[in-house]
Amino acid sequence: MRAQHAQPRRRALRQAVRWLVVVAAAVLLVAVAAGRWGELADVDLDLSPGWIVPATLVATAANVLLALGWRRLLGAYGHALGTARALRTWALSQATRYLPSGLVPVAARAALAAPDGVPRTIGAASVVVETAALLGWAALACALWAPGGWIHPALRLVLGAAALAGLTTLPFTLAGVRTRDDGRVQAALTRLSRRFRFGARVGELAAGGSLRARRAGVWGSTGVYGVAVAARLASFALLAAAVLPIGDGDGGIGPDVRLVVGAAAAATVVGMVGVTPAGLGVRETLLATLLADRFGFGDALAYSVALRAWEIALETAFLAVVAYTGRRGAGVEKASGP
């Protein structure tokens, strides 16, 4: 009974923390804007359109890698999905992340993969595992790349160690390796899904089936997700070179690239924790604030908004292409079980 009464309080506390992140981001934006009001009208972007092409190519590669990481994760669970179908299913479900409910991406991935023979159990669980891996890699990038003035050395060490430990133990904590682990893993998935705004219903979606997975396969998919996160952050830096004076400072190009990548990683982590869909508003606020001292608040805010618009346009184009080609993909072939 005591545990049942504690659950609503824990849910309320988690929701309060997420809203606190959003409110803190709004307060931060207002505070920075008040102190730099004159800079808002002083937008003087240093346009170098040639960088948009490599930024787009690298970002597209990141999207492909994310879908392939998910495909490999399905293989670890014993279900092989054709490449074209995996790209299509992943892209379609990814588009739902901008909808208000965090459960939608889980339900969408499970429903879209089901006609190809992927059990809803695996489809739902894979979204939670994927999100945990992406958050872990983004946190590790933040620990490695965030400038020294942003984060205390002890906190940097704790953040990096926690991210690395989580990524290393992912197959043990979220992907069962024995039948008797299924209940434990389902409970872990349900708890973590609440933290990711997916809601408790992911436990229902992930019920009634085996959650066993091959450890090597989960580690392999986690590695692919890591390369995808690195590519995504690189594309952010390339787009920054298209609109901001990267390399014009006293330290050259290196410190500016480190600044943009560290800021993007930190903003991504905070955006994933906040309550807004896909971190809308939260990521832009923090990114602009972290870049304001170097590039000016007006230019930094313009870049952060342009980055989101470019990202949405790119994902829409990617979705259109893979949705067409995916219809002609091969479907599912049953892989050998774990």
C-alpha atoms as a PDB file:
ATOM      1  CA  MET A   1       0.000   0.000   0.000  1.00  0.00           C
ATOM      2  CA  ARG A   2       2.816   2.372   0.907  1.00  0.00           C
ATOM      3  CA  ALA A   3       4.434   1.776  -2.505  1.00  0.00           C
ATOM      4  CA  GLN A   4       1.110   2.427  -4.257  1.00  0.00           C
ATOM      5  CA  HIS A   5       0.717   5.747  -2.437  1.00  0.00           C
ATOM      6  CA  ALA A   6       4.320   6.679  -3.235  1.00  0.00           C
ATOM      7  CA  GLN A   7       3.918   6.189  -6.988  1.00  0.00           C
ATOM      8  CA  PRO A   8       1.639   9.230  -7.567  1.00  0.00           C
ATOM      9  CA  ARG A   9       4.031  11.376  -5.535  1.00  0.00           C
ATOM     10  CA  ARG A  10       7.019  10.184  -7.578  1.00  0.00           C
ATOM     11  CA  ARG A  11       5.157  10.840 -10.833  1.00  0.00           C
ATOM     12  CA  ALA A  12       4.222  14.326  -9.635  1.00  0.00           C
ATOM     13  CA  LEU A  13       7.827  14.973  -8.625  1.00  0.00           C
ATOM     14  CA  ARG A  14       9.156  13.854 -12.012  1.00  0.00           C
ATOM     15  CA  GLN A  15       6.620  16.028 -13.810  1.00  0.00           C
ATOM     16  CA  ALA A  16       7.536  18.958 -11.579  1.00  0.00           C
ATOM     17  CA  VAL A  17      11.226  18.513 -12.425  1.00  0.00           C
ATOM     18  CA  ARG A  18      10.474  18.507 -16.155  1.00  0.00           C
ATOM     19  CA  TRP A  19       8.390  21.651 -15.882  1.00  0.00           C
ATOM     20  CA  LEU A  20      11.108  23.190 -13.730  1.00  0.00           C
ATOM     21  CA  VAL A  21      13.545  22.665 -16.602  1.00  0.00           C
ATOM     22  CA  VAL A  22      11.145  24.446 -18.975  1.00  0.00           C
ATOM     23  CA  VAL A  23      10.537  27.334 -16.563  1.00  0.00           C
ATOM     24  CA  ALA A  24      14.265  27.640 -15.872  1.00  0.00           C
ATOM     25  CA  ALA A  25      14.924  27.817 -19.605  1.00  0.00           C
ATOM     26  CA  ALA A  26      12.299  30.543 -19.999  1.00  0.00           C
ATOM     27  CA  VAL A  27      13.691  32.524 -17.056  1.00  0.00           C
ATOM     28  CA  LEU A  28      17.190  32.122 -18.447  1.00  0.00           C
ATOM     29  CA  LEU A  29      16.089  33.411 -21.839  1.00  0.00           C
ATOM     30  CA  VAL A  30      14.348  36.433 -20.308  1.00  0.00           C
ATOM     31  CA  ALA A  31      17.342  37.204 -18.079  1.00  0.00           C
ATOM     32  CA  VAL A  32      19.828  36.967 -20.919  1.00  0.00           C
ATOM     33  CA  ALA A  33      17.561  38.928 -23.268  1.00  0.00           C
ATOM     34  CA  ALA A  34      17.120  41.674 -20.659  1.00  0.00           C
ATOM     35  CA  GLY A  35      20.858  42.009 -20.261  1.00  0.00           C
ATOM     36  CA  ARG A  36      21.539  41.858 -23.987  1.00  0.00           C
ATOM     37  CA  TRP A  37      18.438  43.582 -25.343  1.00  0.00           C
ATOM     38  CA  GLY A  38      20.445  45.707 -27.718  1.00  0.00           C
ATOM     39  CA  GLU A  39      22.018  42.606 -29.274  1.00  0.00           C
ATOM     40  CA  LEU A  40      18.644  41.159 -30.286  1.00  0.00           C
ATOM     41  CA  ALA A  41      18.331  43.774 -33.012  1.00  0.00           C
ATOM     42  CA  ASP A  42      21.997  43.444 -33.904  1.00  0.00           C
ATOM     43  CA  VAL A  43      21.868  40.250 -35.948  1.00  0.00           C
ATOM     44  CA  ASP A  44      24.846  40.237 -38.270  1.00  0.00           C
ATOM     45  CA  LEU A  45      25.290  36.666 -39.442  1.00  0.00           C
ATOM     46  CA  ASP A  46      28.510  35.787 -41.247  1.00  0.00           C
ATOM     47  CA  LEU A  47      26.962  33.792 -44.086  1.00  0.00           C
ATOM     48  CA  SER A  48      29.020  31.093 -45.813  1.00  0.00           C
ATOM     49  CA  PRO A  49      26.381  29.052 -47.681  1.00  0.00           C
ATOM     50  CA  GLY A  50      28.938  26.548 -48.922  1.00  0.00           C
ATOM     51  CA  TRP A  51      28.973  24.890 -45.502  1.00  0.00           C
ATOM     52  CA  ILE A  52      25.273  24.026 -45.761  1.00  0.00           C
ATOM     53  CA  VAL A  53      25.969  21.218 -48.238  1.00  0.00           C
ATOM     54  CA  PRO A  54      28.382  19.222 -46.034  1.00  0.00           C
ATOM     55  CA  ALA A  55      26.194  19.954 -43.005  1.00  0.00           C
ATOM     56  CA  THR A  56      23.193  18.481 -44.817  1.00  0.00           C
ATOM     57  CA  LEU A  57      25.133  15.424 -45.974  1.00  0.00           C
ATOM     58  CA  VAL A  58      26.502  14.705 -42.504  1.00  0.00           C
ATOM     59  CA  ALA A  59      23.082  15.220 -40.876  1.00  0.00           C
ATOM     60  CA  THR A  60      21.502  12.864 -43.408  1.00  0.00           C
ATOM     61  CA  ALA A  61      24.177  10.289 -42.636  1.00  0.00           C
ATOM     62  CA  ALA A  62      23.325  10.692 -38.943  1.00  0.00           C
ATOM     63  CA  ASN A  63      19.648   9.958 -39.645  1.00  0.00           C
ATOM     64  CA  VAL A  64      20.578   6.870 -41.646  1.00  0.00           C
ATOM     65  CA  LEU A  65      22.862   5.683 -38.853  1.00  0.00           C
ATOM     66  CA  LEU A  66      20.104   6.157 -36.275  1.00  0.00           C
ATOM     67  CA  ALA A  67      17.773   3.979 -38.329  1.00  0.00           C
ATOM     68  CA  LEU A  68      20.497   1.374 -38.863  1.00  0.00           C
ATOM     69  CA  GLY A  69      21.234   1.370 -35.138  1.00  0.00           C
ATOM     70  CA  TRP A  70      17.577   0.607 -34.498  1.00  0.00           C
ATOM     71  CA  ARG A  71      17.662  -2.127 -37.164  1.00  0.00           C
ATOM     72  CA  ARG A  72      20.651  -3.686 -35.443  1.00  0.00           C
ATOM     73  CA  LEU A  73      18.851  -3.480 -32.104  1.00  0.00           C
ATOM     74  CA  LEU A  74      15.917  -5.392 -33.586  1.00  0.00           C
ATOM     75  CA  GLY A  75      18.395  -7.996 -34.814  1.00  0.00           C
ATOM     76  CA  ALA A  76      19.684  -8.363 -31.263  1.00  0.00           C
ATOM     77  CA  TYR A  77      16.129  -9.199 -30.233  1.00  0.00           C
ATOM     78  CA  GLY A  78      15.947 -11.818 -33.003  1.00  0.00           C
ATOM     79  CA  HIS A  79      14.039  -9.907 -35.689  1.00  0.00           C
ATOM     80  CA  ALA A  80      15.792  -8.819 -38.893  1.00  0.00           C
ATOM     81  CA  LEU A  81      14.164  -5.927 -40.728  1.00  0.00           C
ATOM     82  CA  GLY A  82      15.115  -5.001 -44.282  1.00  0.00           C
ATOM     83  CA  THR A  83      17.185  -1.835 -44.554  1.00  0.00           C
ATOM     84  CA  ALA A  84      14.653   0.113 -46.632  1.00  0.00           C
ATOM     85  CA  ARG A  85      11.795  -0.876 -44.336  1.00  0.00           C
ATOM     86  CA  ALA A  86      13.835   0.003 -41.252  1.00  0.00           C
ATOM     87  CA  LEU A  87      14.597   3.455 -42.645  1.00  0.00           C
ATOM     88  CA  ARG A  88      10.929   4.033 -43.468  1.00  0.00           C
ATOM     89  CA  THR A  89       9.583   2.827 -40.117  1.00  0.00           C
ATOM     90  CA  TRP A  90      12.162   4.739 -38.102  1.00  0.00           C
ATOM     91  CA  ALA A  91      11.600   7.984 -40.053  1.00  0.00           C
ATOM     92  CA  LEU A  92       7.804   7.776 -39.795  1.00  0.00           C
ATOM     93  CA  SER A  93       7.897   7.188 -36.045  1.00  0.00           C
ATOM     94  CA  GLN A  94      10.570   9.859 -35.583  1.00  0.00           C
ATOM     95  CA  ALA A  95       8.222  12.461 -37.048  1.00  0.00           C
ATOM     96  CA  THR A  96       5.801  11.875 -34.153  1.00  0.00           C
ATOM     97  CA  ARG A  97       8.290  13.148 -31.568  1.00  0.00           C
ATOM     98  CA  TYR A  98       6.971  16.684 -32.123  1.00  0.00           C
ATOM     99  CA  LEU A  99       3.504  15.663 -30.900  1.00  0.00           C
ATOM    100  CA  PRO A 100       2.630  16.558 -27.282  1.00  0.00           C
ATOM    101  CA  SER A 101       2.410  13.042 -25.835  1.00  0.00           C
ATOM    102  CA  GLY A 102       5.682  11.241 -25.228  1.00  0.00           C
ATOM    103  CA  LEU A 103       3.903   7.914 -25.673  1.00  0.00           C
ATOM    104  CA  VAL A 104       3.220   8.571 -29.362  1.00  0.00           C
ATOM    105  CA  PRO A 105       6.730   7.672 -30.634  1.00  0.00           C
ATOM    106  CA  VAL A 106       6.603   4.396 -28.694  1.00  0.00           C
ATOM    107  CA  ALA A 107       3.159   3.437 -29.968  1.00  0.00           C
ATOM    108  CA  ALA A 108       4.007   4.602 -33.497  1.00  0.00           C
ATOM    109  CA  ARG A 109       7.223   2.568 -33.696  1.00  0.00           C
ATOM    110  CA  ALA A 110       5.471  -0.514 -32.319  1.00  0.00           C
ATOM    111  CA  ALA A 111       2.485  -0.146 -34.675  1.00  0.00           C
ATOM    112  CA  LEU A 112       4.549   0.615 -37.789  1.00  0.00           C
ATOM    113  CA  ALA A 113       6.926  -2.294 -37.244  1.00  0.00           C
ATOM    114  CA  ALA A 114       4.179  -4.798 -36.393  1.00  0.00           C
ATOM    115  CA  PRO A 115       3.054  -5.461 -40.022  1.00  0.00           C
ATOM    116  CA  ASP A 116       6.641  -6.477 -40.808  1.00  0.00           C
ATOM    117  CA  GLY A 117       6.585  -9.151 -38.132  1.00  0.00           C
ATOM    118  CA  VAL A 118       8.204  -7.243 -35.277  1.00  0.00           C
ATOM    119  CA  PRO A 119       6.268  -7.917 -32.043  1.00  0.00           C
ATOM    120  CA  ARG A 120       4.897  -4.834 -30.343  1.00  0.00           C
ATOM    121  CA  THR A 121       6.852  -5.974 -27.294  1.00  0.00           C
ATOM    122  CA  ILE A 122      10.115  -5.401 -29.136  1.00  0.00           C
ATOM    123  CA  GLY A 123       8.930  -2.330 -31.042  1.00  0.00           C
ATOM    124  CA  ALA A 124       7.970  -0.506 -27.846  1.00  0.00           C
ATOM    125  CA  ALA A 125      11.025  -1.573 -25.873  1.00  0.00           C
ATOM    126  CA  SER A 126      13.375  -0.553 -28.680  1.00  0.00           C
ATOM    127  CA  VAL A 127      12.339   3.111 -28.437  1.00  0.00           C
ATOM    128  CA  VAL A 128      13.199   3.239 -24.742  1.00  0.00           C
ATOM    129  CA  VAL A 129      16.552   1.504 -25.293  1.00  0.00           C
ATOM    130  CA  GLU A 130      17.301   3.841 -28.217  1.00  0.00           C
ATOM    131  CA  THR A 131      16.469   6.952 -26.190  1.00  0.00           C
ATOM    132  CA  ALA A 132      18.629   5.780 -23.291  1.00  0.00           C
ATOM    133  CA  ALA A 133      21.562   5.194 -25.647  1.00  0.00           C
ATOM    134  CA  LEU A 134      21.195   8.596 -27.322  1.00  0.00           C
ATOM    135  CA  LEU A 135      20.959  10.378 -23.976  1.00  0.00           C
ATOM    136  CA  GLY A 136      24.029   8.523 -22.745  1.00  0.00           C
ATOM    137  CA  TRP A 137      26.119   9.472 -25.777  1.00  0.00           C
ATOM    138  CA  ALA A 138      24.966  13.106 -25.639  1.00  0.00           C
ATOM    139  CA  ALA A 139      25.848  13.277 -21.932  1.00  0.00           C
ATOM    140  CA  LEU A 140      29.274  11.782 -22.637  1.00  0.00           C
ATOM    141  CA  ALA A 141      29.865  14.332 -25.405  1.00  0.00           C
ATOM    142  CA  CYS A 142      28.852  17.103 -23.010  1.00  0.00           C
ATOM    143  CA  ALA A 143      31.320  15.834 -20.402  1.00  0.00           C
ATOM    144  CA  LEU A 144      34.118  15.670 -22.980  1.00  0.00           C
ATOM    145  CA  TRP A 145      33.486  18.848 -24.978  1.00  0.00           C
ATOM    146  CA  ALA A 146      31.858  21.367 -22.648  1.00  0.00           C
ATOM    147  CA  PRO A 147      34.269  24.273 -21.990  1.00  0.00           C
ATOM    148  CA  GLY A 148      35.836  24.373 -18.554  1.00  0.00           C
ATOM    149  CA  GLY A 149      33.951  27.470 -17.447  1.00  0.00           C
ATOM    150  CA  TRP A 150      30.564  25.791 -17.841  1.00  0.00           C
ATOM    151  CA  ILE A 151      30.912  22.762 -15.625  1.00  0.00           C
ATOM    152  CA  HIS A 152      32.816  21.964 -12.434  1.00  0.00           C
ATOM    153  CA  PRO A 153      35.573  19.349 -12.945  1.00  0.00           C
ATOM    154  CA  ALA A 154      33.996  17.023 -10.378  1.00  0.00           C
ATOM    155  CA  LEU A 155      30.595  17.266 -12.059  1.00  0.00           C
ATOM    156  CA  ARG A 156      32.216  16.689 -15.448  1.00  0.00           C
ATOM    157  CA  LEU A 157      33.843  13.520 -14.111  1.00  0.00           C
ATOM    158  CA  VAL A 158      30.597  12.274 -12.569  1.00  0.00           C
ATOM    159  CA  LEU A 159      28.601  13.018 -15.729  1.00  0.00           C
ATOM    160  CA  GLY A 160      31.117  11.288 -17.984  1.00  0.00           C
ATOM    161  CA  ALA A 161      31.485   8.268 -15.703  1.00  0.00           C
ATOM    162  CA  ALA A 162      27.713   7.883 -15.329  1.00  0.00           C
ATOM    163  CA  ALA A 163      27.162   8.130 -19.083  1.00  0.00           C
ATOM    164  CA  LEU A 164      29.915   5.628 -19.841  1.00  0.00           C
ATOM    165  CA  ALA A 165      28.675   3.224 -17.177  1.00  0.00           C
ATOM    166  CA  GLY A 166      25.122   3.451 -18.482  1.00  0.00           C
ATOM    167  CA  LEU A 167      26.178   2.791 -22.061  1.00  0.00           C
ATOM    168  CA  THR A 168      28.375  -0.137 -21.048  1.00  0.00           C
ATOM    169  CA  THR A 169      25.726  -1.821 -18.914  1.00  0.00           C
ATOM    170  CA  LEU A 170      22.804  -1.139 -21.259  1.00  0.00           C
ATOM    171  CA  PRO A 171      22.480  -4.794 -22.374  1.00  0.00           C
ATOM    172  CA  PHE A 172      22.207  -5.879 -18.733  1.00  0.00           C
ATOM    173  CA  THR A 173      19.782  -3.208 -17.512  1.00  0.00           C
ATOM    174  CA  LEU A 174      17.370  -2.814 -20.436  1.00  0.00           C
ATOM    175  CA  ALA A 175      17.878  -5.889 -22.637  1.00  0.00           C
ATOM    176  CA  GLY A 176      17.213  -9.227 -20.944  1.00  0.00           C
ATOM    177  CA  VAL A 177      19.575 -12.123 -21.597  1.00  0.00           C
ATOM    178  CA  ARG A 178      17.593 -14.921 -19.954  1.00  0.00           C
ATOM    179  CA  THR A 179      13.884 -15.704 -19.866  1.00  0.00           C
ATOM    180  CA  ARG A 180      13.706 -15.150 -16.117  1.00  0.00           C
ATOM    181  CA  ASP A 181      14.998 -11.611 -16.675  1.00  0.00           C
ATOM    182  CA  ASP A 182      11.950 -10.544 -18.675  1.00  0.00           C
ATOM    183  CA  GLY A 183       9.960  -9.287 -15.702  1.00  0.00           C
ATOM    184  CA  ARG A 184      12.907  -7.354 -14.296  1.00  0.00           C
ATOM    185  CA  VAL A 185      13.723  -5.806 -17.656  1.00  0.00           C
ATOM    186  CA  GLN A 186      10.086  -4.884 -18.310  1.00  0.00           C
ATOM    187  CA  ALA A 187       9.959  -3.124 -14.937  1.00  0.00           C
ATOM    188  CA  ALA A 188      13.172  -1.252 -15.762  1.00  0.00           C
ATOM    189  CA  LEU A 189      11.793  -0.251 -19.157  1.00  0.00           C
ATOM    190  CA  THR A 190       8.600   1.024 -17.569  1.00  0.00           C
ATOM    191  CA  ARG A 191      10.464   3.086 -14.963  1.00  0.00           C
ATOM    192  CA  LEU A 192      12.816   4.582 -17.521  1.00  0.00           C
ATOM    193  CA  SER A 193      10.003   5.281 -19.972  1.00  0.00           C
ATOM    194  CA  ARG A 194       8.330   7.503 -17.387  1.00  0.00           C
ATOM    195  CA  ARG A 195      11.541   9.524 -17.135  1.00  0.00           C
ATOM    196  CA  PHE A 196      11.533   9.951 -20.922  1.00  0.00           C
ATOM    197  CA  ARG A 197       7.890  11.183 -20.916  1.00  0.00           C
ATOM    198  CA  PHE A 198       6.700   7.968 -22.614  1.00  0.00           C
ATOM    199  CA  GLY A 199       4.354   7.216 -19.720  1.00  0.00           C
ATOM    200  CA  ALA A 200       3.543   4.025 -17.846  1.00  0.00           C
ATOM    201  CA  ARG A 201       1.662   2.530 -20.802  1.00  0.00           C
ATOM    202  CA  VAL A 202       4.943   1.466 -22.369  1.00  0.00           C
ATOM    203  CA  GLY A 203       4.871  -1.307 -19.785  1.00  0.00           C
ATOM    204  CA  GLU A 204       1.596  -2.493 -21.325  1.00  0.00           C
ATOM    205  CA  LEU A 205       3.016  -2.267 -24.843  1.00  0.00           C
ATOM    206  CA  ALA A 206       6.069  -4.229 -23.749  1.00  0.00           C
ATOM    207  CA  ALA A 207       4.050  -6.882 -21.929  1.00  0.00           C
ATOM    208  CA  GLY A 208       3.268 -10.391 -23.026  1.00  0.00           C
ATOM    209  CA  GLY A 209       6.457 -11.180 -24.901  1.00  0.00           C
ATOM    210  CA  SER A 210      10.098 -12.041 -24.427  1.00  0.00           C
ATOM    211  CA  LEU A 211      12.559  -9.201 -23.987  1.00  0.00           C
ATOM    212  CA  ARG A 212      15.647 -11.356 -24.380  1.00  0.00           C
ATOM    213  CA  ALA A 213      18.395  -9.896 -26.539  1.00  0.00           C
ATOM    214  CA  ARG A 214      21.945 -10.770 -27.512  1.00  0.00           C
ATOM    215  CA  ARG A 215      24.402  -8.635 -25.580  1.00  0.00           C
ATOM    216  CA  ALA A 216      26.758  -8.272 -28.534  1.00  0.00           C
ATOM    217  CA  GLY A 217      23.889  -7.045 -30.690  1.00  0.00           C
ATOM    218  CA  VAL A 218      22.808  -4.428 -28.145  1.00  0.00           C
ATOM    219  CA  TRP A 219      26.387  -3.225 -27.735  1.00  0.00           C
ATOM    220  CA  GLY A 220      26.699  -3.093 -31.523  1.00  0.00           C
ATOM    221  CA  SER A 221      23.572  -0.967 -31.879  1.00  0.00           C
ATOM    222  CA  THR A 222      24.777   1.267 -29.042  1.00  0.00           C
ATOM    223  CA  GLY A 223      28.021   1.820 -30.951  1.00  0.00           C
ATOM    224  CA  VAL A 224      26.124   2.775 -34.100  1.00  0.00           C
ATOM    225  CA  TYR A 225      24.034   5.217 -32.066  1.00  0.00           C
ATOM    226  CA  GLY A 226      27.274   6.742 -30.776  1.00  0.00           C
ATOM    227  CA  VAL A 227      28.563   7.336 -34.304  1.00  0.00           C
ATOM    228  CA  ALA A 228      25.172   8.847 -35.195  1.00  0.00           C
ATOM    229  CA  VAL A 229      25.331  11.277 -32.255  1.00  0.00           C
ATOM    230  CA  ALA A 230      28.870  12.285 -33.251  1.00  0.00           C
ATOM    231  CA  ALA A 231      27.702  12.882 -36.826  1.00  0.00           C
ATOM    232  CA  ARG A 232      24.712  14.917 -35.622  1.00  0.00           C
ATOM    233  CA  LEU A 233      26.914  17.148 -33.473  1.00  0.00           C
ATOM    234  CA  ALA A 234      29.366  17.535 -36.363  1.00  0.00           C
ATOM    235  CA  SER A 235      26.510  18.653 -38.615  1.00  0.00           C
ATOM    236  CA  PHE A 236      25.553  21.287 -36.020  1.00  0.00           C
ATOM    237  CA  ALA A 237      29.120  22.620 -36.101  1.00  0.00           C
ATOM    238  CA  LEU A 238      29.135  22.637 -39.914  1.00  0.00           C
ATOM    239  CA  LEU A 239      25.869  24.576 -40.006  1.00  0.00           C
ATOM    240  CA  ALA A 240      27.322  27.017 -37.472  1.00  0.00           C
ATOM    241  CA  ALA A 241      30.194  27.607 -39.909  1.00  0.00           C
ATOM    242  CA  ALA A 242      27.572  28.579 -42.495  1.00  0.00           C
ATOM    243  CA  VAL A 243      26.072  31.395 -40.401  1.00  0.00           C
ATOM    244  CA  LEU A 244      28.547  32.290 -37.632  1.00  0.00           C
ATOM    245  CA  PRO A 245      32.156  33.580 -37.755  1.00  0.00           C
ATOM    246  CA  ILE A 246      33.711  30.243 -36.797  1.00  0.00           C
ATOM    247  CA  GLY A 247      37.487  30.556 -36.525  1.00  0.00           C
ATOM    248  CA  ASP A 248      37.584  34.357 -36.548  1.00  0.00           C
ATOM    249  CA  GLY A 249      38.484  34.570 -32.870  1.00  0.00           C
ATOM    250  CA  ASP A 250      41.940  34.739 -31.326  1.00  0.00           C
ATOM    251  CA  GLY A 251      42.106  30.984 -30.740  1.00  0.00           C
ATOM    252  CA  GLY A 252      41.312  29.957 -34.298  1.00  0.00           C
ATOM    253  CA  ILE A 253      38.792  27.370 -35.428  1.00  0.00           C
ATOM    254  CA  GLY A 254      39.416  24.755 -32.716  1.00  0.00           C
ATOM    255  CA  PRO A 255      37.945  26.566 -29.699  1.00  0.00           C
ATOM    256  CA  ASP A 256      34.900  27.671 -31.708  1.00  0.00           C
ATOM    257  CA  VAL A 257      34.163  24.124 -32.871  1.00  0.00           C
ATOM    258  CA  ARG A 258      34.583  22.825 -29.328  1.00  0.00           C
ATOM    259  CA  LEU A 259      32.269  25.570 -28.070  1.00  0.00           C
ATOM    260  CA  VAL A 260      29.505  24.785 -30.576  1.00  0.00           C
ATOM    261  CA  VAL A 261      29.733  21.013 -30.098  1.00  0.00           C
ATOM    262  CA  GLY A 262      29.798  21.305 -26.307  1.00  0.00           C
ATOM    263  CA  ALA A 263      26.857  23.718 -26.318  1.00  0.00           C
ATOM    264  CA  ALA A 264      24.864  21.512 -28.702  1.00  0.00           C
ATOM    265  CA  ALA A 265      25.515  18.423 -26.576  1.00  0.00           C
ATOM    266  CA  ALA A 266      24.488  20.200 -23.367  1.00  0.00           C
ATOM    267  CA  ALA A 267      21.364  21.644 -25.002  1.00  0.00           C
ATOM    268  CA  THR A 268      20.451  18.204 -26.360  1.00  0.00           C
ATOM    269  CA  VAL A 269      20.713  16.592 -22.926  1.00  0.00           C
ATOM    270  CA  VAL A 270      18.605  19.290 -21.256  1.00  0.00           C
ATOM    271  CA  GLY A 271      16.091  19.161 -24.116  1.00  0.00           C
ATOM    272  CA  MET A 272      15.640  15.409 -23.633  1.00  0.00           C
ATOM    273  CA  VAL A 273      14.971  15.916 -19.921  1.00  0.00           C
ATOM    274  CA  GLY A 274      12.472  18.763 -20.355  1.00  0.00           C
ATOM    275  CA  VAL A 275       8.752  18.322 -20.853  1.00  0.00           C
ATOM    276  CA  THR A 276       8.427  19.948 -24.279  1.00  0.00           C
ATOM    277  CA  PRO A 277       8.192  17.681 -27.361  1.00  0.00           C
ATOM    278  CA  ALA A 278      11.645  17.070 -28.889  1.00  0.00           C
ATOM    279  CA  GLY A 279      13.026  19.709 -26.521  1.00  0.00           C
ATOM    280  CA  LEU A 280      11.359  22.517 -28.482  1.00  0.00           C
ATOM    281  CA  GLY A 281      12.268  25.880 -26.994  1.00  0.00           C
ATOM    282  CA  VAL A 282      14.423  24.404 -24.247  1.00  0.00           C
ATOM    283  CA  ARG A 283      17.243  23.378 -26.581  1.00  0.00           C
ATOM    284  CA  GLU A 284      17.156  26.667 -28.464  1.00  0.00           C
ATOM    285  CA  THR A 285      17.215  28.737 -25.274  1.00  0.00           C
ATOM    286  CA  LEU A 286      20.185  26.971 -23.732  1.00  0.00           C
ATOM    287  CA  LEU A 287      22.120  26.812 -27.001  1.00  0.00           C
ATOM    288  CA  ALA A 288      21.702  30.550 -27.616  1.00  0.00           C
ATOM    289  CA  THR A 289      22.675  31.364 -24.038  1.00  0.00           C
ATOM    290  CA  LEU A 290      25.831  29.261 -24.137  1.00  0.00           C
ATOM    291  CA  LEU A 291      26.952  30.779 -27.436  1.00  0.00           C
ATOM    292  CA  ALA A 292      26.017  34.383 -26.618  1.00  0.00           C
ATOM    293  CA  ASP A 293      29.343  35.472 -25.120  1.00  0.00           C
ATOM    294  CA  ARG A 294      31.290  34.393 -28.176  1.00  0.00           C
ATOM    295  CA  PHE A 295      28.948  35.285 -31.042  1.00  0.00           C
ATOM    296  CA  GLY A 296      26.511  37.781 -29.516  1.00  0.00           C
ATOM    297  CA  PHE A 297      23.043  36.911 -28.285  1.00  0.00           C
ATOM    298  CA  GLY A 298      21.247  38.001 -31.451  1.00  0.00           C
ATOM    299  CA  ASP A 299      23.402  35.852 -33.738  1.00  0.00           C
ATOM    300  CA  ALA A 300      23.396  32.927 -31.307  1.00  0.00           C
ATOM    301  CA  LEU A 301      19.601  32.963 -31.038  1.00  0.00           C
ATOM    302  CA  ALA A 302      19.236  33.268 -34.810  1.00  0.00           C
ATOM    303  CA  TYR A 303      21.537  30.264 -35.240  1.00  0.00           C
ATOM    304  CA  SER A 304      19.665  28.132 -32.704  1.00  0.00           C
ATOM    305  CA  VAL A 305      16.303  28.857 -34.358  1.00  0.00           C
ATOM    306  CA  ALA A 306      17.738  28.321 -37.848  1.00  0.00           C
ATOM    307  CA  LEU A 307      19.223  25.032 -36.648  1.00  0.00           C
ATOM    308  CA  ARG A 308      15.815  23.746 -35.563  1.00  0.00           C
ATOM    309  CA  ALA A 309      14.133  24.889 -38.794  1.00  0.00           C
ATOM    310  CA  TRP A 310      16.891  23.282 -40.879  1.00  0.00           C
ATOM    311  CA  GLU A 311      16.632  20.079 -38.854  1.00  0.00           C
ATOM    312  CA  ILE A 312      12.856  19.849 -39.356  1.00  0.00           C
ATOM    313  CA  ALA A 313      13.151  20.570 -43.093  1.00  0.00           C
ATOM    314  CA  LEU A 314      15.861  17.946 -43.459  1.00  0.00           C
ATOM    315  CA  GLU A 315      13.897  15.325 -41.531  1.00  0.00           C
ATOM    316  CA  THR A 316      10.814  16.057 -43.647  1.00  0.00           C
ATOM    317  CA  ALA A 317      12.759  15.569 -46.876  1.00  0.00           C
ATOM    318  CA  PHE A 318      14.400  12.432 -45.483  1.00  0.00           C
ATOM    319  CA  LEU A 319      10.995  11.074 -44.487  1.00  0.00           C
ATOM    320  CA  ALA A 320       9.568  11.703 -47.964  1.00  0.00           C
ATOM    321  CA  VAL A 321      12.412   9.803 -49.624  1.00  0.00           C
ATOM    322  CA  VAL A 322      12.505   6.797 -47.304  1.00  0.00           C
ATOM    323  CA  ALA A 323       8.698   6.566 -47.108  1.00  0.00           C
ATOM    324  CA  TYR A 324       8.650   6.020 -50.864  1.00  0.00           C
ATOM    325  CA  THR A 325      11.610   3.667 -51.094  1.00  0.00           C
ATOM    326  CA  GLY A 326      10.591   1.789 -47.952  1.00  0.00           C
ATOM    327  CA  ARG A 327       7.357   0.589 -49.555  1.00  0.00           C
ATOM    328  CA  ARG A 328       9.466  -1.432 -51.911  1.00  0.00           C
ATOM    329  CA  GLY A 329      11.704  -2.772 -49.156  1.00  0.00           C
ATOM    330  CA  ALA A 330      11.980  -6.440 -48.417  1.00  0.00           C
ATOM    331  CA  GLY A 331      10.091  -6.840 -45.133  1.00  0.00           C
ATOM    332  CA  VAL A 332      11.202  -9.066 -42.368  1.00  0.00           C
ATOM    333  CA  GLU A 333      13.176 -12.246 -42.189  1.00  0.00           C
ATOM    334  CA  LYS A 334      13.374 -14.037 -38.929  1.00  0.00           C
ATOM    335  CA  ALA A 335      16.849 -13.938 -37.460  1.00  0.00           C
ATOM    336  CA  SER A 336      18.337 -16.585 -35.258  1.00  0.00           C
ATOM    337  CA  GLY A 337      17.215 -16.185 -31.670  1.00  0.00           C
ATOM    338  CA  PRO A 338      19.470 -15.088 -28.858  1.00  0.00           C
END
